[in-house]
Amino acid sequence: MEFESEDDAKKYYIEYARRIGFMVRIMQRRRSGIDGRTLARRLGCNKQGFSPNHKGTLGQEKKPRPSAREGCKATILVKMEKTGKWVVTRFEKEHNHPLMITANGFNTTGDKDKKIEELTMELAHQEQLCSAYREKLFAFINNVEKQTEELSSKIEVIVDNIRKLEAERQRFTHRSAGSLGL
């Protein structure tokens, strides 16, 4: 196959991938050493190859994430010919994983969609937990406030009783002193 431009080749392969049921990863490109323009481009399945193990040499190690890559070899290589046309020079059709095809040709349950769905469900679960914890916290605070009020009332009664006892003791002491002639 041949295309008018690199962009036309990309668009064609992306549309092909959509119809077949996979996502495209834009991979390698080869540039001219003279003027820097692109001379060749390799595109492939987003499950192509394997993810490198990224460990931080500085700072904290990155949290391991599940990889979408499964070692798929499906790729296309297009090169610019001397005529200026872009020609497919290599095409690997076979995938080593199931493809996602739907009635309208769109990949609706791709890896990113699954991850978004999982995270949305986890977020909803966490929101439910937060709501339950919030209710328990408010109930606890209300209970503490109620007990604080009850305790304050009891302390007030005790303080009043002590004042009364002190007043009675002082009266008794004054009476006793008066009756003794002191």
N, C-alpha and C. Protein backbone atom coordinates (compact mmCIF):
# COMPACT_ATOMS: atom_id res chain seq x y z
N MET A 1 0.84 -1.18 0.00
CA MET A 1 0.00 0.00 0.00
C MET A 1 0.88 1.23 0.00
N GLU A 2 0.31 2.31 -0.51
CA GLU A 2 1.07 3.55 -0.53
C GLU A 2 0.15 4.72 -0.16
N PHE A 3 0.76 5.74 0.50
CA PHE A 3 0.02 6.89 1.01
C PHE A 3 0.71 8.17 0.57
N GLU A 4 -0.05 9.25 0.57
CA GLU A 4 0.48 10.55 0.17
C GLU A 4 1.39 11.16 1.24
N SER A 5 1.12 10.82 2.53
CA SER A 5 1.90 11.41 3.62
C SER A 5 1.98 10.43 4.79
N GLU A 6 2.87 10.75 5.71
CA GLU A 6 2.99 9.95 6.94
C GLU A 6 1.67 10.02 7.71
N ASP A 7 1.08 11.21 7.76
CA ASP A 7 -0.18 11.40 8.47
C ASP A 7 -1.29 10.54 7.88
N ASP A 8 -1.35 10.44 6.55
CA ASP A 8 -2.35 9.58 5.90
C ASP A 8 -2.15 8.12 6.30
N ALA A 9 -0.90 7.69 6.38
CA ALA A 9 -0.60 6.31 6.77
C ALA A 9 -1.05 6.07 8.22
N LYS A 10 -0.77 7.03 9.10
CA LYS A 10 -1.19 6.91 10.51
C LYS A 10 -2.70 6.82 10.61
N LYS A 11 -3.39 7.73 9.92
CA LYS A 11 -4.86 7.75 9.97
C LYS A 11 -5.43 6.42 9.49
N TYR A 12 -4.86 5.90 8.41
CA TYR A 12 -5.35 4.63 7.87
C TYR A 12 -5.17 3.51 8.90
N TYR A 13 -3.98 3.42 9.50
CA TYR A 13 -3.71 2.34 10.45
C TYR A 13 -4.56 2.48 11.71
N ILE A 14 -4.78 3.71 12.16
CA ILE A 14 -5.63 3.93 13.34
C ILE A 14 -7.07 3.52 13.05
N GLU A 15 -7.56 3.86 11.87
CA GLU A 15 -8.92 3.44 11.48
C GLU A 15 -9.00 1.92 11.35
N TYR A 16 -7.99 1.31 10.76
CA TYR A 16 -7.92 -0.15 10.63
C TYR A 16 -7.96 -0.78 12.03
N ALA A 17 -7.16 -0.25 12.96
CA ALA A 17 -7.10 -0.79 14.32
C ALA A 17 -8.46 -0.68 15.00
N ARG A 18 -9.13 0.45 14.80
CA ARG A 18 -10.45 0.64 15.40
C ARG A 18 -11.43 -0.42 14.90
N ARG A 19 -11.40 -0.68 13.59
CA ARG A 19 -12.30 -1.69 13.02
C ARG A 19 -11.95 -3.09 13.49
N ILE A 20 -10.67 -3.39 13.61
CA ILE A 20 -10.23 -4.73 14.00
C ILE A 20 -10.42 -4.96 15.49
N GLY A 21 -10.19 -3.92 16.30
CA GLY A 21 -10.41 -4.04 17.74
C GLY A 21 -9.17 -3.91 18.60
N PHE A 22 -8.27 -3.02 18.21
CA PHE A 22 -7.12 -2.75 19.07
C PHE A 22 -6.76 -1.28 19.00
N MET A 23 -5.93 -0.85 19.93
CA MET A 23 -5.49 0.54 19.98
C MET A 23 -4.07 0.62 19.42
N VAL A 24 -3.75 1.77 18.82
CA VAL A 24 -2.45 1.96 18.18
C VAL A 24 -1.48 2.68 19.10
N ARG A 25 -0.25 2.21 19.09
CA ARG A 25 0.84 2.91 19.76
C ARG A 25 1.76 3.44 18.66
N ILE A 26 2.08 4.72 18.72
CA ILE A 26 3.00 5.31 17.75
C ILE A 26 4.39 5.06 18.30
N MET A 27 5.18 4.32 17.54
CA MET A 27 6.45 3.84 18.08
C MET A 27 7.65 4.56 17.45
N GLN A 28 8.51 3.83 16.84
CA GLN A 28 9.77 4.39 16.37
C GLN A 28 9.61 5.24 15.11
N ARG A 29 10.59 6.14 14.95
CA ARG A 29 10.67 6.87 13.69
C ARG A 29 12.15 7.03 13.35
N ARG A 30 12.42 7.06 12.07
CA ARG A 30 13.80 7.28 11.61
C ARG A 30 13.83 8.61 10.88
N ARG A 31 14.82 9.44 11.25
CA ARG A 31 14.93 10.78 10.67
C ARG A 31 16.14 10.87 9.76
N SER A 32 16.06 11.83 8.87
CA SER A 32 17.18 12.13 7.98
C SER A 32 18.26 12.82 8.78
N GLY A 33 19.50 12.39 8.58
CA GLY A 33 20.62 13.04 9.23
C GLY A 33 20.93 14.40 8.62
N ILE A 34 20.42 14.63 7.43
CA ILE A 34 20.69 15.88 6.72
C ILE A 34 19.73 16.99 7.15
N ASP A 35 18.43 16.73 7.01
CA ASP A 35 17.46 17.79 7.31
C ASP A 35 16.50 17.47 8.47
N GLY A 36 16.62 16.30 9.08
CA GLY A 36 15.82 15.95 10.25
C GLY A 36 14.39 15.51 9.96
N ARG A 37 14.00 15.45 8.69
CA ARG A 37 12.62 15.03 8.39
C ARG A 37 12.47 13.53 8.60
N THR A 38 11.24 13.12 8.87
CA THR A 38 10.96 11.71 9.13
C THR A 38 11.04 10.93 7.82
N LEU A 39 11.79 9.81 7.86
CA LEU A 39 11.93 8.96 6.68
C LEU A 39 11.15 7.65 6.83
N ALA A 40 10.93 7.22 8.06
CA ALA A 40 10.21 5.97 8.30
C ALA A 40 9.51 6.07 9.65
N ARG A 41 8.40 5.36 9.77
CA ARG A 41 7.63 5.37 11.02
C ARG A 41 7.10 3.97 11.25
N ARG A 42 7.20 3.53 12.51
CA ARG A 42 6.64 2.23 12.89
C ARG A 42 5.50 2.47 13.86
N LEU A 43 4.36 1.88 13.58
CA LEU A 43 3.17 1.93 14.42
C LEU A 43 2.86 0.51 14.83
N GLY A 44 2.22 0.34 15.98
CA GLY A 44 1.90 -1.02 16.41
C GLY A 44 0.75 -1.06 17.38
N CYS A 45 0.42 -2.26 17.75
CA CYS A 45 -0.63 -2.50 18.74
C CYS A 45 -0.17 -1.95 20.08
N ASN A 46 -1.10 -1.40 20.86
CA ASN A 46 -0.71 -0.85 22.17
C ASN A 46 -0.26 -1.93 23.14
N LYS A 47 -0.48 -3.20 22.81
CA LYS A 47 -0.01 -4.30 23.65
C LYS A 47 1.32 -4.85 23.14
N GLN A 48 1.97 -4.11 22.24
CA GLN A 48 3.24 -4.52 21.66
C GLN A 48 4.34 -4.45 22.70
N GLY A 49 5.22 -5.43 22.69
CA GLY A 49 6.37 -5.44 23.58
C GLY A 49 5.99 -5.68 25.02
N PHE A 50 6.93 -5.37 25.91
CA PHE A 50 6.71 -5.51 27.35
C PHE A 50 7.17 -4.22 28.01
N SER A 51 6.51 -3.84 29.11
CA SER A 51 6.88 -2.62 29.81
C SER A 51 8.19 -2.82 30.53
N PRO A 52 9.08 -1.83 30.41
CA PRO A 52 10.32 -1.92 31.18
C PRO A 52 10.02 -1.73 32.66
N ASN A 53 10.85 -2.31 33.51
CA ASN A 53 10.66 -2.18 34.95
C ASN A 53 11.29 -0.87 35.38
N HIS A 54 10.46 0.14 35.66
CA HIS A 54 10.96 1.47 36.04
C HIS A 54 11.16 1.52 37.54
N LYS A 55 12.41 1.60 37.97
CA LYS A 55 12.70 1.80 39.38
C LYS A 55 13.44 3.11 39.50
N GLY A 56 13.00 3.92 40.42
CA GLY A 56 13.62 5.23 40.61
C GLY A 56 15.03 5.11 41.17
N THR A 57 15.98 5.76 40.51
CA THR A 57 17.34 5.77 41.05
C THR A 57 17.49 6.91 42.03
N LEU A 58 16.68 7.93 41.85
CA LEU A 58 16.66 9.05 42.79
C LEU A 58 15.26 9.14 43.38
N GLY A 59 15.19 9.33 44.67
CA GLY A 59 13.87 9.47 45.29
C GLY A 59 13.21 8.13 45.51
N GLN A 60 11.90 8.18 45.65
CA GLN A 60 11.14 6.97 45.94
C GLN A 60 10.99 6.11 44.71
N GLU A 61 10.82 4.81 44.95
CA GLU A 61 10.53 3.91 43.84
C GLU A 61 9.10 4.16 43.39
N LYS A 62 8.88 3.98 42.08
CA LYS A 62 7.53 4.18 41.56
C LYS A 62 6.67 2.99 41.95
N LYS A 63 5.40 3.27 42.19
CA LYS A 63 4.45 2.23 42.54
C LYS A 63 4.24 1.33 41.32
N PRO A 64 4.39 0.02 41.47
CA PRO A 64 4.21 -0.86 40.30
C PRO A 64 2.77 -0.81 39.82
N ARG A 65 2.62 -0.72 38.51
CA ARG A 65 1.28 -0.69 37.91
C ARG A 65 1.17 -1.87 36.95
N PRO A 66 -0.03 -2.39 36.79
CA PRO A 66 -0.18 -3.47 35.81
C PRO A 66 0.05 -2.92 34.41
N SER A 67 0.71 -3.71 33.60
CA SER A 67 1.05 -3.27 32.25
C SER A 67 0.01 -3.78 31.25
N ALA A 68 -0.26 -2.96 30.25
CA ALA A 68 -1.18 -3.35 29.18
C ALA A 68 -0.43 -4.16 28.12
N ARG A 69 0.88 -4.13 28.17
CA ARG A 69 1.68 -4.79 27.14
C ARG A 69 1.72 -6.30 27.35
N GLU A 70 1.57 -7.01 26.24
CA GLU A 70 1.53 -8.47 26.30
C GLU A 70 2.49 -9.11 25.29
N GLY A 71 3.40 -8.35 24.76
CA GLY A 71 4.35 -8.91 23.80
C GLY A 71 3.78 -9.10 22.40
N CYS A 72 2.73 -8.36 22.08
CA CYS A 72 2.10 -8.47 20.75
C CYS A 72 3.09 -7.99 19.68
N LYS A 73 3.06 -8.65 18.54
CA LYS A 73 4.00 -8.30 17.47
C LYS A 73 3.33 -7.54 16.32
N ALA A 74 2.02 -7.24 16.44
CA ALA A 74 1.30 -6.57 15.36
C ALA A 74 1.87 -5.17 15.15
N THR A 75 2.44 -4.92 13.95
CA THR A 75 3.03 -3.62 13.63
C THR A 75 2.90 -3.34 12.14
N ILE A 76 3.13 -2.09 11.82
CA ILE A 76 3.23 -1.67 10.42
C ILE A 76 4.42 -0.72 10.33
N LEU A 77 5.19 -0.84 9.25
CA LEU A 77 6.32 0.05 9.02
C LEU A 77 6.09 0.74 7.68
N VAL A 78 6.09 2.06 7.70
CA VAL A 78 5.93 2.83 6.46
C VAL A 78 7.19 3.66 6.25
N LYS A 79 7.64 3.70 5.00
CA LYS A 79 8.84 4.47 4.67
C LYS A 79 8.53 5.41 3.52
N MET A 80 9.22 6.55 3.55
CA MET A 80 9.05 7.51 2.46
C MET A 80 9.99 7.11 1.32
N GLU A 81 9.39 6.95 0.16
CA GLU A 81 10.17 6.62 -1.03
C GLU A 81 10.73 7.90 -1.65
N LYS A 82 11.62 7.75 -2.62
CA LYS A 82 12.22 8.91 -3.30
C LYS A 82 11.16 9.74 -4.01
N THR A 83 10.05 9.10 -4.36
CA THR A 83 8.95 9.81 -5.03
C THR A 83 8.18 10.71 -4.07
N GLY A 84 8.41 10.55 -2.75
CA GLY A 84 7.69 11.34 -1.75
C GLY A 84 6.49 10.58 -1.20
N LYS A 85 6.15 9.46 -1.79
CA LYS A 85 5.02 8.63 -1.31
C LYS A 85 5.49 7.79 -0.12
N TRP A 86 4.55 7.48 0.74
CA TRP A 86 4.83 6.64 1.89
C TRP A 86 4.32 5.23 1.58
N VAL A 87 5.21 4.24 1.70
CA VAL A 87 4.91 2.87 1.29
C VAL A 87 5.03 1.94 2.50
N VAL A 88 4.08 1.00 2.60
CA VAL A 88 4.14 -0.01 3.67
C VAL A 88 5.22 -1.00 3.28
N THR A 89 6.25 -1.12 4.11
CA THR A 89 7.34 -2.06 3.80
C THR A 89 7.30 -3.29 4.71
N ARG A 90 6.54 -3.20 5.78
CA ARG A 90 6.41 -4.35 6.66
C ARG A 90 5.05 -4.26 7.36
N PHE A 91 4.37 -5.40 7.45
CA PHE A 91 3.06 -5.44 8.09
C PHE A 91 2.92 -6.76 8.82
N GLU A 92 2.77 -6.70 10.13
CA GLU A 92 2.53 -7.90 10.93
C GLU A 92 1.11 -7.81 11.44
N LYS A 93 0.27 -8.74 10.98
CA LYS A 93 -1.16 -8.69 11.24
C LYS A 93 -1.57 -9.39 12.54
N GLU A 94 -0.87 -10.44 12.91
CA GLU A 94 -1.31 -11.31 14.01
C GLU A 94 -1.09 -10.68 15.39
N HIS A 95 -2.11 -10.85 16.23
CA HIS A 95 -2.06 -10.41 17.62
C HIS A 95 -2.00 -11.64 18.51
N ASN A 96 -1.38 -11.53 19.66
CA ASN A 96 -1.29 -12.66 20.58
C ASN A 96 -2.27 -12.51 21.75
N HIS A 97 -3.30 -11.73 21.56
CA HIS A 97 -4.28 -11.44 22.61
C HIS A 97 -5.64 -11.26 21.95
N PRO A 98 -6.71 -11.39 22.72
CA PRO A 98 -8.05 -11.18 22.14
C PRO A 98 -8.24 -9.72 21.73
N LEU A 99 -8.95 -9.53 20.64
CA LEU A 99 -9.27 -8.19 20.17
C LEU A 99 -10.64 -7.80 20.69
N MET A 100 -10.87 -6.52 20.84
CA MET A 100 -12.15 -6.03 21.37
C MET A 100 -12.97 -5.43 20.25
N ILE A 101 -13.97 -6.15 19.81
CA ILE A 101 -14.80 -5.66 18.71
C ILE A 101 -16.23 -5.50 19.23
N THR A 102 -16.86 -4.40 18.84
CA THR A 102 -18.26 -4.17 19.19
C THR A 102 -19.04 -3.94 17.90
N ALA A 103 -20.34 -3.82 18.05
CA ALA A 103 -21.21 -3.68 16.88
C ALA A 103 -20.86 -2.46 16.04
N ASN A 104 -20.50 -1.35 16.67
CA ASN A 104 -20.20 -0.14 15.89
C ASN A 104 -18.71 0.00 15.57
N GLY A 105 -17.93 -1.02 15.92
CA GLY A 105 -16.52 -1.01 15.58
C GLY A 105 -15.64 -0.27 16.56
N PHE A 106 -16.20 0.24 17.65
CA PHE A 106 -15.39 0.96 18.62
C PHE A 106 -15.01 0.05 19.77
N ASN A 107 -13.84 0.23 20.26
CA ASN A 107 -13.33 -0.52 21.39
C ASN A 107 -13.88 0.14 22.65
N THR A 108 -14.90 -0.49 23.25
CA THR A 108 -15.53 0.13 24.41
C THR A 108 -15.04 -0.44 25.73
N THR A 109 -14.36 -1.56 25.70
CA THR A 109 -13.89 -2.16 26.94
C THR A 109 -12.38 -2.31 26.92
N GLY A 110 -11.71 -1.29 26.40
CA GLY A 110 -10.25 -1.31 26.35
C GLY A 110 -9.66 -1.19 27.73
N ASP A 111 -8.36 -1.31 27.80
CA ASP A 111 -7.66 -1.28 29.08
C ASP A 111 -7.91 0.02 29.83
N LYS A 112 -7.87 1.14 29.14
CA LYS A 112 -8.08 2.42 29.81
C LYS A 112 -9.51 2.52 30.33
N ASP A 113 -10.47 2.08 29.52
CA ASP A 113 -11.87 2.12 29.94
C ASP A 113 -12.09 1.23 31.16
N LYS A 114 -11.46 0.05 31.17
CA LYS A 114 -11.59 -0.85 32.32
C LYS A 114 -11.00 -0.20 33.56
N LYS A 115 -9.85 0.42 33.40
CA LYS A 115 -9.19 1.07 34.54
C LYS A 115 -10.06 2.22 35.06
N ILE A 116 -10.62 3.02 34.14
CA ILE A 116 -11.49 4.12 34.54
C ILE A 116 -12.71 3.58 35.27
N GLU A 117 -13.28 2.49 34.77
CA GLU A 117 -14.45 1.89 35.41
C GLU A 117 -14.09 1.38 36.81
N GLU A 118 -12.93 0.70 36.93
CA GLU A 118 -12.48 0.21 38.23
C GLU A 118 -12.28 1.36 39.21
N LEU A 119 -11.61 2.41 38.75
CA LEU A 119 -11.34 3.55 39.62
C LEU A 119 -12.62 4.28 40.01
N THR A 120 -13.58 4.36 39.08
CA THR A 120 -14.87 4.98 39.37
C THR A 120 -15.61 4.19 40.44
N MET A 121 -15.57 2.86 40.31
CA MET A 121 -16.23 2.01 41.31
C MET A 121 -15.53 2.16 42.66
N GLU A 122 -14.21 2.20 42.66
CA GLU A 122 -13.45 2.37 43.91
C GLU A 122 -13.76 3.73 44.53
N LEU A 123 -13.85 4.77 43.71
CA LEU A 123 -14.19 6.10 44.21
C LEU A 123 -15.58 6.10 44.85
N ALA A 124 -16.54 5.46 44.19
CA ALA A 124 -17.90 5.38 44.74
C ALA A 124 -17.88 4.64 46.08
N HIS A 125 -17.12 3.56 46.15
CA HIS A 125 -17.01 2.79 47.40
C HIS A 125 -16.39 3.65 48.49
N GLN A 126 -15.33 4.38 48.16
CA GLN A 126 -14.66 5.24 49.14
C GLN A 126 -15.60 6.37 49.59
N GLU A 127 -16.40 6.90 48.67
CA GLU A 127 -17.36 7.94 49.03
C GLU A 127 -18.41 7.39 50.00
N GLN A 128 -18.85 6.14 49.78
CA GLN A 128 -19.80 5.51 50.70
C GLN A 128 -19.18 5.35 52.08
N LEU A 129 -17.91 4.90 52.11
CA LEU A 129 -17.22 4.75 53.38
C LEU A 129 -17.09 6.11 54.08
N CYS A 130 -16.71 7.14 53.33
CA CYS A 130 -16.58 8.48 53.91
C CYS A 130 -17.92 8.94 54.48
N SER A 131 -18.98 8.70 53.76
CA SER A 131 -20.31 9.09 54.23
C SER A 131 -20.67 8.36 55.52
N ALA A 132 -20.39 7.06 55.56
CA ALA A 132 -20.69 6.27 56.77
C ALA A 132 -19.84 6.76 57.94
N TYR A 133 -18.54 7.01 57.68
CA TYR A 133 -17.66 7.52 58.74
C TYR A 133 -18.11 8.90 59.21
N ARG A 134 -18.52 9.74 58.27
CA ARG A 134 -19.00 11.08 58.61
C ARG A 134 -20.21 10.99 59.54
N GLU A 135 -21.17 10.08 59.19
CA GLU A 135 -22.37 9.91 60.02
C GLU A 135 -21.98 9.45 61.42
N LYS A 136 -21.05 8.48 61.49
CA LYS A 136 -20.61 7.97 62.80
C LYS A 136 -19.91 9.07 63.59
N LEU A 137 -19.10 9.87 62.92
CA LEU A 137 -18.39 10.96 63.59
C LEU A 137 -19.38 11.99 64.14
N PHE A 138 -20.37 12.37 63.32
CA PHE A 138 -21.37 13.33 63.78
C PHE A 138 -22.17 12.76 64.96
N ALA A 139 -22.52 11.47 64.90
CA ALA A 139 -23.25 10.85 66.01
C ALA A 139 -22.38 10.86 67.26
N PHE A 140 -21.09 10.57 67.11
CA PHE A 140 -20.16 10.59 68.24
C PHE A 140 -20.05 11.99 68.83
N ILE A 141 -19.90 12.98 67.96
CA ILE A 141 -19.79 14.37 68.43
C ILE A 141 -21.06 14.79 69.15
N ASN A 142 -22.23 14.44 68.60
CA ASN A 142 -23.50 14.77 69.26
C ASN A 142 -23.59 14.09 70.62
N ASN A 143 -23.15 12.84 70.70
CA ASN A 143 -23.16 12.12 71.96
C ASN A 143 -22.23 12.78 72.97
N VAL A 144 -21.04 13.18 72.53
CA VAL A 144 -20.09 13.86 73.41
C VAL A 144 -20.70 15.18 73.90
N GLU A 145 -21.33 15.93 72.99
CA GLU A 145 -21.95 17.20 73.38
C GLU A 145 -23.05 16.98 74.41
N LYS A 146 -23.88 15.95 74.17
CA LYS A 146 -24.97 15.65 75.10
C LYS A 146 -24.41 15.26 76.47
N GLN A 147 -23.40 14.40 76.48
CA GLN A 147 -22.81 13.98 77.76
C GLN A 147 -22.11 15.15 78.45
N THR A 148 -21.50 16.03 77.65
CA THR A 148 -20.85 17.22 78.22
C THR A 148 -21.88 18.11 78.90
N GLU A 149 -23.03 18.31 78.25
CA GLU A 149 -24.10 19.12 78.84
C GLU A 149 -24.61 18.48 80.13
N GLU A 150 -24.82 17.14 80.08
CA GLU A 150 -25.31 16.44 81.29
C GLU A 150 -24.29 16.55 82.42
N LEU A 151 -23.02 16.38 82.08
CA LEU A 151 -21.96 16.48 83.08
C LEU A 151 -21.87 17.90 83.64
N SER A 152 -21.99 18.88 82.76
CA SER A 152 -21.98 20.28 83.21
C SER A 152 -23.12 20.54 84.18
N SER A 153 -24.31 20.02 83.85
CA SER A 153 -25.47 20.20 84.73
C SER A 153 -25.21 19.56 86.09
N LYS A 154 -24.67 18.36 86.09
CA LYS A 154 -24.39 17.65 87.35
C LYS A 154 -23.33 18.41 88.15
N ILE A 155 -22.30 18.91 87.47
CA ILE A 155 -21.26 19.68 88.17
C ILE A 155 -21.85 20.94 88.76
N GLU A 156 -22.75 21.59 88.01
CA GLU A 156 -23.42 22.80 88.51
C GLU A 156 -24.20 22.50 89.78
N VAL A 157 -24.92 21.37 89.79
CA VAL A 157 -25.70 20.97 90.97
C VAL A 157 -24.74 20.72 92.14
N ILE A 158 -23.64 20.03 91.88
CA ILE A 158 -22.66 19.75 92.94
C ILE A 158 -22.07 21.05 93.48
N VAL A 159 -21.69 21.99 92.58
CA VAL A 159 -21.13 23.27 93.02
C VAL A 159 -22.16 24.03 93.85
N ASP A 160 -23.41 24.05 93.40
CA ASP A 160 -24.48 24.72 94.17
C ASP A 160 -24.62 24.08 95.55
N ASN A 161 -24.61 22.74 95.60
CA ASN A 161 -24.74 22.03 96.89
C ASN A 161 -23.56 22.35 97.80
N ILE A 162 -22.36 22.43 97.23
CA ILE A 162 -21.18 22.77 98.04
C ILE A 162 -21.31 24.19 98.57
N ARG A 163 -21.76 25.12 97.73
CA ARG A 163 -21.96 26.51 98.18
C ARG A 163 -22.97 26.57 99.32
N LYS A 164 -24.06 25.81 99.15
CA LYS A 164 -25.08 25.78 100.20
C LYS A 164 -24.50 25.23 101.49
N LEU A 165 -23.74 24.13 101.38
CA LEU A 165 -23.12 23.53 102.56
C LEU A 165 -22.15 24.50 103.22
N GLU A 166 -21.35 25.20 102.36
CA GLU A 166 -20.41 26.18 102.91
C GLU A 166 -21.16 27.29 103.63
N ALA A 167 -22.25 27.76 103.01
CA ALA A 167 -23.04 28.84 103.62
C ALA A 167 -23.63 28.35 104.94
N GLU A 168 -24.16 27.12 104.95
CA GLU A 168 -24.72 26.57 106.18
C GLU A 168 -23.65 26.38 107.24
N ARG A 169 -22.48 25.94 106.84
CA ARG A 169 -21.38 25.73 107.77
C ARG A 169 -20.96 27.06 108.39
N GLN A 170 -20.91 28.10 107.54
CA GLN A 170 -20.54 29.42 108.06
C GLN A 170 -21.60 29.92 109.04
N ARG A 171 -22.87 29.72 108.69
CA ARG A 171 -23.94 30.13 109.61
C ARG A 171 -23.86 29.34 110.92
N PHE A 172 -23.61 28.05 110.79
CA PHE A 172 -23.51 27.21 111.98
C PHE A 172 -22.32 27.65 112.83
N THR A 173 -21.20 27.96 112.13
CA THR A 173 -20.00 28.39 112.85
C THR A 173 -20.27 29.72 113.54
N HIS A 174 -20.96 30.67 112.90
CA HIS A 174 -21.28 31.96 113.51
C HIS A 174 -22.24 31.76 114.68
N ARG A 175 -23.22 30.89 114.54
CA ARG A 175 -24.20 30.64 115.62
C ARG A 175 -23.49 29.99 116.80
N SER A 176 -22.65 29.02 116.47
CA SER A 176 -21.96 28.31 117.55
C SER A 176 -21.04 29.29 118.29
N ALA A 177 -20.37 30.12 117.56
CA ALA A 177 -19.48 31.09 118.17
C ALA A 177 -20.28 32.11 118.98
N GLY A 178 -21.44 32.49 118.48
CA GLY A 178 -22.30 33.45 119.18
C GLY A 178 -22.88 32.85 120.44
N SER A 179 -23.27 31.61 120.42
CA SER A 179 -23.85 30.97 121.60
C SER A 179 -22.77 30.69 122.63
N LEU A 180 -21.56 30.55 122.21
CA LEU A 180 -20.48 30.31 123.16
C LEU A 180 -19.93 31.64 123.69
N GLY A 181 -20.36 32.73 123.10
CA GLY A 181 -19.92 34.05 123.55
C GLY A 181 -18.57 34.42 122.96
N LEU A 182 -18.25 33.88 121.91
CA LEU A 182 -16.96 34.22 121.32
C LEU A 182 -17.07 35.34 120.39
